[in-house]
Amino acid sequence: MLLARVEGNIVATRKHPSLQGWRLLICQPIGKDGRLEGAPQVAIDSHGAGLHQQVVISSDGLAARKAVGDDRSPVRWLVIGVVDEKEPGVRA
């Protein structure tokens, strides 16, 4: 799991059938201090995360494939939560 910030969405007229109806977000991993960490990832989203919101993403491909209902889907990343606020002293 990674803390990330939503940087945008992806609109695709042609995509794998398993991704039909799913929102595709560009999620930039960030550290607890808000600094960028690593490369942006494309994640499916069922939570309705907005632009620049902090989210928790998971690279559990099995869970992502179960979410889309296709064991042969190319999906890997999924948004598993939207961050409302962080408690002081709790690591991100």
PDB file of N, CA and C in Angstrom:
ATOM      1  N   MET A   1       0.842  -1.177   0.000  1.00  0.00           N
ATOM      2  CA  MET A   1       0.000   0.000   0.000  1.00  0.00           C
ATOM      3  C   MET A   1       0.882   1.233   0.000  1.00  0.00           C
ATOM      4  N   LEU A   2       0.396   2.250  -0.715  1.00  0.00           N
ATOM      5  CA  LEU A   2       1.121   3.512  -0.798  1.00  0.00           C
ATOM      6  C   LEU A   2       0.163   4.675  -0.598  1.00  0.00           C
ATOM      7  N   LEU A   3       0.673   5.729  -0.007  1.00  0.00           N
ATOM      8  CA  LEU A   3      -0.056   6.982   0.045  1.00  0.00           C
ATOM      9  C   LEU A   3       0.235   7.687  -1.272  1.00  0.00           C
ATOM     10  N   ALA A   4      -0.787   8.233  -1.905  1.00  0.00           N
ATOM     11  CA  ALA A   4      -0.602   8.875  -3.205  1.00  0.00           C
ATOM     12  C   ALA A   4      -1.531  10.076  -3.326  1.00  0.00           C
ATOM     13  N   ARG A   5      -1.236  10.913  -4.319  1.00  0.00           N
ATOM     14  CA  ARG A   5      -2.082  12.064  -4.621  1.00  0.00           C
ATOM     15  C   ARG A   5      -2.621  11.884  -6.039  1.00  0.00           C
ATOM     16  N   VAL A   6      -3.906  12.131  -6.226  1.00  0.00           N
ATOM     17  CA  VAL A   6      -4.524  12.005  -7.546  1.00  0.00           C
ATOM     18  C   VAL A   6      -4.087  13.186  -8.402  1.00  0.00           C
ATOM     19  N   GLU A   7      -3.445  12.882  -9.520  1.00  0.00           N
ATOM     20  CA  GLU A   7      -2.931  13.921 -10.410  1.00  0.00           C
ATOM     21  C   GLU A   7      -3.799  14.115 -11.640  1.00  0.00           C
ATOM     22  N   GLY A   8      -4.698  13.195 -11.910  1.00  0.00           N
ATOM     23  CA  GLY A   8      -5.557  13.325 -13.091  1.00  0.00           C
ATOM     24  C   GLY A   8      -6.264  12.022 -13.363  1.00  0.00           C
ATOM     25  N   ASN A   9      -6.994  12.003 -14.464  1.00  0.00           N
ATOM     26  CA  ASN A   9      -7.655  10.765 -14.853  1.00  0.00           C
ATOM     27  C   ASN A   9      -7.287  10.425 -16.284  1.00  0.00           C
ATOM     28  N   ILE A  10      -7.615   9.222 -16.663  1.00  0.00           N
ATOM     29  CA  ILE A  10      -7.310   8.748 -18.006  1.00  0.00           C
ATOM     30  C   ILE A  10      -8.624   8.449 -18.698  1.00  0.00           C
ATOM     31  N   VAL A  11      -8.754   8.967 -19.901  1.00  0.00           N
ATOM     32  CA  VAL A  11      -9.911   8.671 -20.729  1.00  0.00           C
ATOM     33  C   VAL A  11      -9.402   7.834 -21.896  1.00  0.00           C
ATOM     34  N   ALA A  12      -9.960   6.656 -22.060  1.00  0.00           N
ATOM     35  CA  ALA A  12      -9.520   5.758 -23.123  1.00  0.00           C
ATOM     36  C   ALA A  12     -10.734   5.267 -23.905  1.00  0.00           C
ATOM     37  N   THR A  13     -10.708   5.496 -25.199  1.00  0.00           N
ATOM     38  CA  THR A  13     -11.813   5.012 -26.022  1.00  0.00           C
ATOM     39  C   THR A  13     -11.684   3.514 -26.282  1.00  0.00           C
ATOM     40  N   ARG A  14     -10.452   3.008 -26.226  1.00  0.00           N
ATOM     41  CA  ARG A  14     -10.213   1.570 -26.378  1.00  0.00           C
ATOM     42  C   ARG A  14      -9.409   1.097 -25.185  1.00  0.00           C
ATOM     43  N   LYS A  15      -9.915   0.088 -24.518  1.00  0.00           N
ATOM     44  CA  LYS A  15      -9.227  -0.471 -23.359  1.00  0.00           C
ATOM     45  C   LYS A  15      -9.666  -1.908 -23.179  1.00  0.00           C
ATOM     46  N   HIS A  16      -8.991  -2.603 -22.298  1.00  0.00           N
ATOM     47  CA  HIS A  16      -9.351  -3.988 -22.008  1.00  0.00           C
ATOM     48  C   HIS A  16     -10.811  -4.023 -21.552  1.00  0.00           C
ATOM     49  N   PRO A  17     -11.583  -4.992 -22.010  1.00  0.00           N
ATOM     50  CA  PRO A  17     -13.005  -5.057 -21.642  1.00  0.00           C
ATOM     51  C   PRO A  17     -13.260  -5.065 -20.133  1.00  0.00           C
ATOM     52  N   SER A  18     -12.345  -5.597 -19.350  1.00  0.00           N
ATOM     53  CA  SER A  18     -12.537  -5.660 -17.898  1.00  0.00           C
ATOM     54  C   SER A  18     -12.518  -4.276 -17.250  1.00  0.00           C
ATOM     55  N   LEU A  19     -11.992  -3.276 -17.948  1.00  0.00           N
ATOM     56  CA  LEU A  19     -11.892  -1.922 -17.401  1.00  0.00           C
ATOM     57  C   LEU A  19     -13.085  -1.046 -17.785  1.00  0.00           C
ATOM     58  N   GLN A  20     -14.009  -1.611 -18.561  1.00  0.00           N
ATOM     59  CA  GLN A  20     -15.196  -0.863 -18.963  1.00  0.00           C
ATOM     60  C   GLN A  20     -15.995  -0.435 -17.735  1.00  0.00           C
ATOM     61  N   GLY A  21     -16.295   0.841 -17.631  1.00  0.00           N
ATOM     62  CA  GLY A  21     -17.079   1.363 -16.517  1.00  0.00           C
ATOM     63  C   GLY A  21     -16.263   1.762 -15.303  1.00  0.00           C
ATOM     64  N   TRP A  22     -14.969   1.541 -15.309  1.00  0.00           N
ATOM     65  CA  TRP A  22     -14.104   1.904 -14.180  1.00  0.00           C
ATOM     66  C   TRP A  22     -13.436   3.238 -14.449  1.00  0.00           C
ATOM     67  N   ARG A  23     -13.314   4.061 -13.391  1.00  0.00           N
ATOM     68  CA  ARG A  23     -12.536   5.296 -13.473  1.00  0.00           C
ATOM     69  C   ARG A  23     -11.062   4.920 -13.367  1.00  0.00           C
ATOM     70  N   LEU A  24     -10.249   5.482 -14.228  1.00  0.00           N
ATOM     71  CA  LEU A  24      -8.806   5.252 -14.212  1.00  0.00           C
ATOM     72  C   LEU A  24      -8.135   6.546 -13.770  1.00  0.00           C
ATOM     73  N   LEU A  25      -7.394   6.477 -12.673  1.00  0.00           N
ATOM     74  CA  LEU A  25      -6.743   7.662 -12.108  1.00  0.00           C
ATOM     75  C   LEU A  25      -5.230   7.564 -12.196  1.00  0.00           C
ATOM     76  N   ILE A  26      -4.596   8.702 -12.405  1.00  0.00           N
ATOM     77  CA  ILE A  26      -3.142   8.792 -12.315  1.00  0.00           C
ATOM     78  C   ILE A  26      -2.837   9.162 -10.871  1.00  0.00           C
ATOM     79  N   CYS A  27      -2.162   8.272 -10.163  1.00  0.00           N
ATOM     80  CA  CYS A  27      -1.870   8.460  -8.737  1.00  0.00           C
ATOM     81  C   CYS A  27      -0.366   8.560  -8.535  1.00  0.00           C
ATOM     82  N   GLN A  28       0.081   9.688  -7.988  1.00  0.00           N
ATOM     83  CA  GLN A  28       1.499   9.922  -7.724  1.00  0.00           C
ATOM     84  C   GLN A  28       1.802   9.546  -6.279  1.00  0.00           C
ATOM     85  N   PRO A  29       2.607   8.481  -6.060  1.00  0.00           N
ATOM     86  CA  PRO A  29       2.988   8.142  -4.680  1.00  0.00           C
ATOM     87  C   PRO A  29       3.709   9.306  -4.007  1.00  0.00           C
ATOM     88  N   ILE A  30       3.389   9.511  -2.715  1.00  0.00           N
ATOM     89  CA  ILE A  30       4.012  10.573  -1.937  1.00  0.00           C
ATOM     90  C   ILE A  30       4.440  10.023  -0.578  1.00  0.00           C
ATOM     91  N   GLY A  31       5.411  10.695   0.028  1.00  0.00           N
ATOM     92  CA  GLY A  31       5.855  10.333   1.373  1.00  0.00           C
ATOM     93  C   GLY A  31       4.985  11.014   2.408  1.00  0.00           C
ATOM     94  N   LYS A  32       5.262  10.723   3.674  1.00  0.00           N
ATOM     95  CA  LYS A  32       4.459  11.323   4.746  1.00  0.00           C
ATOM     96  C   LYS A  32       4.604  12.833   4.796  1.00  0.00           C
ATOM     97  N   ASP A  33       5.697  13.350   4.225  1.00  0.00           N
ATOM     98  CA  ASP A  33       5.915  14.796   4.187  1.00  0.00           C
ATOM     99  C   ASP A  33       5.338  15.436   2.922  1.00  0.00           C
ATOM    100  N   GLY A  34       4.705  14.636   2.072  1.00  0.00           N
ATOM    101  CA  GLY A  34       4.090  15.149   0.853  1.00  0.00           C
ATOM    102  C   GLY A  34       4.999  15.177  -0.354  1.00  0.00           C
ATOM    103  N   ARG A  35       6.258  14.776  -0.188  1.00  0.00           N
ATOM    104  CA  ARG A  35       7.196  14.768  -1.312  1.00  0.00           C
ATOM    105  C   ARG A  35       6.907  13.593  -2.241  1.00  0.00           C
ATOM    106  N   LEU A  36       7.160  13.813  -3.523  1.00  0.00           N
ATOM    107  CA  LEU A  36       6.937  12.767  -4.520  1.00  0.00           C
ATOM    108  C   LEU A  36       7.886  11.602  -4.280  1.00  0.00           C
ATOM    109  N   GLU A  37       7.356  10.398  -4.453  1.00  0.00           N
ATOM    110  CA  GLU A  37       8.164   9.188  -4.290  1.00  0.00           C
ATOM    111  C   GLU A  37       7.832   8.207  -5.402  1.00  0.00           C
ATOM    112  N   GLY A  38       8.758   8.028  -6.315  1.00  0.00           N
ATOM    113  CA  GLY A  38       8.565   7.039  -7.368  1.00  0.00           C
ATOM    114  C   GLY A  38       7.714   7.540  -8.523  1.00  0.00           C
ATOM    115  N   ALA A  39       7.415   6.606  -9.402  1.00  0.00           N
ATOM    116  CA  ALA A  39       6.680   6.906 -10.628  1.00  0.00           C
ATOM    117  C   ALA A  39       5.171   6.892 -10.399  1.00  0.00           C
ATOM    118  N   PRO A  40       4.445   7.712 -11.153  1.00  0.00           N
ATOM    119  CA  PRO A  40       2.984   7.683 -11.062  1.00  0.00           C
ATOM    120  C   PRO A  40       2.445   6.316 -11.478  1.00  0.00           C
ATOM    121  N   GLN A  41       1.314   5.934 -10.916  1.00  0.00           N
ATOM    122  CA  GLN A  41       0.678   4.653 -11.222  1.00  0.00           C
ATOM    123  C   GLN A  41      -0.754   4.908 -11.688  1.00  0.00           C
ATOM    124  N   VAL A  42      -1.246   4.046 -12.553  1.00  0.00           N
ATOM    125  CA  VAL A  42      -2.644   4.107 -12.981  1.00  0.00           C
ATOM    126  C   VAL A  42      -3.415   3.137 -12.110  1.00  0.00           C
ATOM    127  N   ALA A  43      -4.459   3.642 -11.456  1.00  0.00           N
ATOM    128  CA  ALA A  43      -5.246   2.813 -10.541  1.00  0.00           C
ATOM    129  C   ALA A  43      -6.730   2.922 -10.875  1.00  0.00           C
ATOM    130  N   ILE A  44      -7.448   1.829 -10.675  1.00  0.00           N
ATOM    131  CA  ILE A  44      -8.899   1.882 -10.811  1.00  0.00           C
ATOM    132  C   ILE A  44      -9.476   2.469  -9.530  1.00  0.00           C
ATOM    133  N   ASP A  45     -10.616   3.146  -9.667  1.00  0.00           N
ATOM    134  CA  ASP A  45     -11.191   3.834  -8.506  1.00  0.00           C
ATOM    135  C   ASP A  45     -12.697   3.633  -8.453  1.00  0.00           C
ATOM    136  N   SER A  46     -13.175   3.138  -7.325  1.00  0.00           N
ATOM    137  CA  SER A  46     -14.615   3.015  -7.113  1.00  0.00           C
ATOM    138  C   SER A  46     -15.071   3.934  -5.980  1.00  0.00           C
ATOM    139  N   HIS A  47     -14.135   4.734  -5.443  1.00  0.00           N
ATOM    140  CA  HIS A  47     -14.444   5.583  -4.293  1.00  0.00           C
ATOM    141  C   HIS A  47     -14.783   7.024  -4.666  1.00  0.00           C
ATOM    142  N   GLY A  48     -14.549   7.403  -5.908  1.00  0.00           N
ATOM    143  CA  GLY A  48     -14.853   8.761  -6.332  1.00  0.00           C
ATOM    144  C   GLY A  48     -13.835   9.789  -5.885  1.00  0.00           C
ATOM    145  N   ALA A  49     -12.567   9.400  -5.839  1.00  0.00           N
ATOM    146  CA  ALA A  49     -11.515  10.332  -5.421  1.00  0.00           C
ATOM    147  C   ALA A  49     -11.420  11.491  -6.407  1.00  0.00           C
ATOM    148  N   GLY A  50     -11.175  12.688  -5.866  1.00  0.00           N
ATOM    149  CA  GLY A  50     -11.086  13.886  -6.681  1.00  0.00           C
ATOM    150  C   GLY A  50      -9.656  14.297  -6.952  1.00  0.00           C
ATOM    151  N   LEU A  51      -9.497  15.230  -7.872  1.00  0.00           N
ATOM    152  CA  LEU A  51      -8.193  15.748  -8.246  1.00  0.00           C
ATOM    153  C   LEU A  51      -7.477  16.317  -7.025  1.00  0.00           C
ATOM    154  N   HIS A  52      -6.225  15.945  -6.849  1.00  0.00           N
ATOM    155  CA  HIS A  52      -5.332  16.376  -5.767  1.00  0.00           C
ATOM    156  C   HIS A  52      -5.691  15.812  -4.395  1.00  0.00           C
ATOM    157  N   GLN A  53      -6.671  14.926  -4.314  1.00  0.00           N
ATOM    158  CA  GLN A  53      -6.959  14.284  -3.032  1.00  0.00           C
ATOM    159  C   GLN A  53      -5.903  13.226  -2.751  1.00  0.00           C
ATOM    160  N   GLN A  54      -5.660  13.007  -1.466  1.00  0.00           N
ATOM    161  CA  GLN A  54      -4.759  11.931  -1.073  1.00  0.00           C
ATOM    162  C   GLN A  54      -5.561  10.642  -0.979  1.00  0.00           C
ATOM    163  N   VAL A  55      -4.962   9.578  -1.503  1.00  0.00           N
ATOM    164  CA  VAL A  55      -5.607   8.271  -1.512  1.00  0.00           C
ATOM    165  C   VAL A  55      -4.609   7.214  -1.056  1.00  0.00           C
ATOM    166  N   VAL A  56      -5.127   6.068  -0.696  1.00  0.00           N
ATOM    167  CA  VAL A  56      -4.293   4.903  -0.411  1.00  0.00           C
ATOM    168  C   VAL A  56      -4.505   3.959  -1.582  1.00  0.00           C
ATOM    169  N   ILE A  57      -3.398   3.560  -2.223  1.00  0.00           N
ATOM    170  CA  ILE A  57      -3.489   2.638  -3.354  1.00  0.00           C
ATOM    171  C   ILE A  57      -2.778   1.340  -3.001  1.00  0.00           C
ATOM    172  N   SER A  58      -3.245   0.269  -3.606  1.00  0.00           N
ATOM    173  CA  SER A  58      -2.669  -1.050  -3.362  1.00  0.00           C
ATOM    174  C   SER A  58      -2.241  -1.660  -4.688  1.00  0.00           C
ATOM    175  N   SER A  59      -1.118  -2.352  -4.665  1.00  0.00           N
ATOM    176  CA  SER A  59      -0.629  -3.034  -5.869  1.00  0.00           C
ATOM    177  C   SER A  59      -1.006  -4.510  -5.862  1.00  0.00           C
ATOM    178  N   ASP A  60      -2.008  -4.863  -5.092  1.00  0.00           N
ATOM    179  CA  ASP A  60      -2.466  -6.248  -5.020  1.00  0.00           C
ATOM    180  C   ASP A  60      -3.251  -6.570  -6.288  1.00  0.00           C
ATOM    181  N   GLY A  61      -2.542  -7.089  -7.283  1.00  0.00           N
ATOM    182  CA  GLY A  61      -3.165  -7.392  -8.565  1.00  0.00           C
ATOM    183  C   GLY A  61      -4.301  -8.382  -8.466  1.00  0.00           C
ATOM    184  N   LEU A  62      -4.189  -9.351  -7.572  1.00  0.00           N
ATOM    185  CA  LEU A  62      -5.255 -10.339  -7.402  1.00  0.00           C
ATOM    186  C   LEU A  62      -6.542  -9.659  -6.938  1.00  0.00           C
ATOM    187  N   ALA A  63      -6.427  -8.760  -5.961  1.00  0.00           N
ATOM    188  CA  ALA A  63      -7.606  -8.036  -5.473  1.00  0.00           C
ATOM    189  C   ALA A  63      -8.182  -7.144  -6.575  1.00  0.00           C
ATOM    190  N   ALA A  64      -7.316  -6.515  -7.346  1.00  0.00           N
ATOM    191  CA  ALA A  64      -7.777  -5.653  -8.433  1.00  0.00           C
ATOM    192  C   ALA A  64      -8.514  -6.470  -9.492  1.00  0.00           C
ATOM    193  N   ARG A  65      -7.976  -7.632  -9.837  1.00  0.00           N
ATOM    194  CA  ARG A  65      -8.645  -8.480 -10.829  1.00  0.00           C
ATOM    195  C   ARG A  65      -9.980  -8.999 -10.304  1.00  0.00           C
ATOM    196  N   LYS A  66     -10.047  -9.297  -9.012  1.00  0.00           N
ATOM    197  CA  LYS A  66     -11.325  -9.708  -8.430  1.00  0.00           C
ATOM    198  C   LYS A  66     -12.331  -8.562  -8.465  1.00  0.00           C
ATOM    199  N   ALA A  67     -11.855  -7.338  -8.234  1.00  0.00           N
ATOM    200  CA  ALA A  67     -12.738  -6.174  -8.254  1.00  0.00           C
ATOM    201  C   ALA A  67     -13.372  -5.978  -9.635  1.00  0.00           C
ATOM    202  N   VAL A  68     -12.584  -6.181 -10.691  1.00  0.00           N
ATOM    203  CA  VAL A  68     -13.124  -6.014 -12.042  1.00  0.00           C
ATOM    204  C   VAL A  68     -13.812  -7.277 -12.544  1.00  0.00           C
ATOM    205  N   GLY A  69     -13.639  -8.377 -11.812  1.00  0.00           N
ATOM    206  CA  GLY A  69     -14.330  -9.621 -12.173  1.00  0.00           C
ATOM    207  C   GLY A  69     -13.738 -10.362 -13.347  1.00  0.00           C
ATOM    208  N   ASP A  70     -12.422 -10.231 -13.553  1.00  0.00           N
ATOM    209  CA  ASP A  70     -11.772 -10.900 -14.683  1.00  0.00           C
ATOM    210  C   ASP A  70     -10.370 -11.327 -14.272  1.00  0.00           C
ATOM    211  N   ASP A  71     -10.144 -12.627 -14.184  1.00  0.00           N
ATOM    212  CA  ASP A  71      -8.837 -13.155 -13.780  1.00  0.00           C
ATOM    213  C   ASP A  71      -7.734 -12.863 -14.795  1.00  0.00           C
ATOM    214  N   ARG A  72      -8.109 -12.478 -16.009  1.00  0.00           N
ATOM    215  CA  ARG A  72      -7.117 -12.210 -17.055  1.00  0.00           C
ATOM    216  C   ARG A  72      -6.930 -10.707 -17.311  1.00  0.00           C
ATOM    217  N   SER A  73      -7.501  -9.889 -16.452  1.00  0.00           N
ATOM    218  CA  SER A  73      -7.401  -8.441 -16.614  1.00  0.00           C
ATOM    219  C   SER A  73      -5.966  -7.967 -16.381  1.00  0.00           C
ATOM    220  N   PRO A  74      -5.529  -6.922 -17.106  1.00  0.00           N
ATOM    221  CA  PRO A  74      -4.187  -6.377 -16.902  1.00  0.00           C
ATOM    222  C   PRO A  74      -4.095  -5.413 -15.711  1.00  0.00           C
ATOM    223  N   VAL A  75      -5.191  -5.219 -14.993  1.00  0.00           N
ATOM    224  CA  VAL A  75      -5.211  -4.252 -13.895  1.00  0.00           C
ATOM    225  C   VAL A  75      -4.312  -4.705 -12.747  1.00  0.00           C
ATOM    226  N   ARG A  76      -3.618  -3.746 -12.122  1.00  0.00           N
ATOM    227  CA  ARG A  76      -2.765  -4.074 -10.976  1.00  0.00           C
ATOM    228  C   ARG A  76      -3.044  -3.179  -9.777  1.00  0.00           C
ATOM    229  N   TRP A  77      -3.184  -1.877  -9.976  1.00  0.00           N
ATOM    230  CA  TRP A  77      -3.347  -0.933  -8.878  1.00  0.00           C
ATOM    231  C   TRP A  77      -4.816  -0.586  -8.685  1.00  0.00           C
ATOM    232  N   LEU A  78      -5.216  -0.405  -7.419  1.00  0.00           N
ATOM    233  CA  LEU A  78      -6.563   0.048  -7.128  1.00  0.00           C
ATOM    234  C   LEU A  78      -6.557   0.975  -5.927  1.00  0.00           C
ATOM    235  N   VAL A  79      -7.474   1.937  -5.962  1.00  0.00           N
ATOM    236  CA  VAL A  79      -7.649   2.850  -4.835  1.00  0.00           C
ATOM    237  C   VAL A  79      -8.444   2.094  -3.783  1.00  0.00           C
ATOM    238  N   ILE A  80      -7.886   2.004  -2.570  1.00  0.00           N
ATOM    239  CA  ILE A  80      -8.595   1.293  -1.505  1.00  0.00           C
ATOM    240  C   ILE A  80      -9.115   2.244  -0.434  1.00  0.00           C
ATOM    241  N   GLY A  81      -8.813   3.537  -0.564  1.00  0.00           N
ATOM    242  CA  GLY A  81      -9.330   4.503   0.402  1.00  0.00           C
ATOM    243  C   GLY A  81      -8.972   5.920   0.034  1.00  0.00           C
ATOM    244  N   VAL A  82      -9.814   6.846   0.462  1.00  0.00           N
ATOM    245  CA  VAL A  82      -9.568   8.273   0.293  1.00  0.00           C
ATOM    246  C   VAL A  82      -9.230   8.821   1.677  1.00  0.00           C
ATOM    247  N   VAL A  83      -8.130   9.569   1.776  1.00  0.00           N
ATOM    248  CA  VAL A  83      -7.672  10.105   3.054  1.00  0.00           C
ATOM    249  C   VAL A  83      -8.477  11.363   3.387  1.00  0.00           C
ATOM    250  N   ASP A  84      -9.197  11.325   4.509  1.00  0.00           N
ATOM    251  CA  ASP A  84      -9.916  12.511   4.977  1.00  0.00           C
ATOM    252  C   ASP A  84      -8.972  13.412   5.755  1.00  0.00           C
ATOM    253  N   GLU A  85      -8.244  12.812   6.696  1.00  0.00           N
ATOM    254  CA  GLU A  85      -7.259  13.539   7.486  1.00  0.00           C
ATOM    255  C   GLU A  85      -6.309  12.529   8.106  1.00  0.00           C
ATOM    256  N   LYS A  86      -5.133  13.015   8.476  1.00  0.00           N
ATOM    257  CA  LYS A  86      -4.152  12.162   9.141  1.00  0.00           C
ATOM    258  C   LYS A  86      -4.061  12.569  10.603  1.00  0.00           C
ATOM    259  N   GLU A  87      -3.993  11.584  11.464  1.00  0.00           N
ATOM    260  CA  GLU A  87      -3.831  11.884  12.892  1.00  0.00           C
ATOM    261  C   GLU A  87      -2.389  12.291  13.166  1.00  0.00           C
ATOM    262  N   PRO A  88      -2.172  13.281  14.024  1.00  0.00           N
ATOM    263  CA  PRO A  88      -0.811  13.680  14.376  1.00  0.00           C
ATOM    264  C   PRO A  88      -0.038  12.507  14.985  1.00  0.00           C
ATOM    265  N   GLY A  89       1.180  12.354  14.547  1.00  0.00           N
ATOM    266  CA  GLY A  89       2.027  11.316  15.105  1.00  0.00           C
ATOM    267  C   GLY A  89       1.841   9.940  14.482  1.00  0.00           C
ATOM    268  N   VAL A  90       0.877   9.792  13.596  1.00  0.00           N
ATOM    269  CA  VAL A  90       0.659   8.508  12.942  1.00  0.00           C
ATOM    270  C   VAL A  90       1.386   8.530  11.609  1.00  0.00           C
ATOM    271  N   ARG A  91       2.159   7.491  11.360  1.00  0.00           N
ATOM    272  CA  ARG A  91       2.929   7.427  10.113  1.00  0.00           C
ATOM    273  C   ARG A  91       2.005   7.119   8.952  1.00  0.00           C
ATOM    274  N   ALA A  92       2.298   7.738   7.834  1.00  0.00           N
ATOM    275  CA  ALA A  92       1.482   7.549   6.623  1.00  0.00           C
ATOM    276  C   ALA A  92       1.890   6.292   5.892  1.00  0.00           C
TER     277      ALA A  92
END
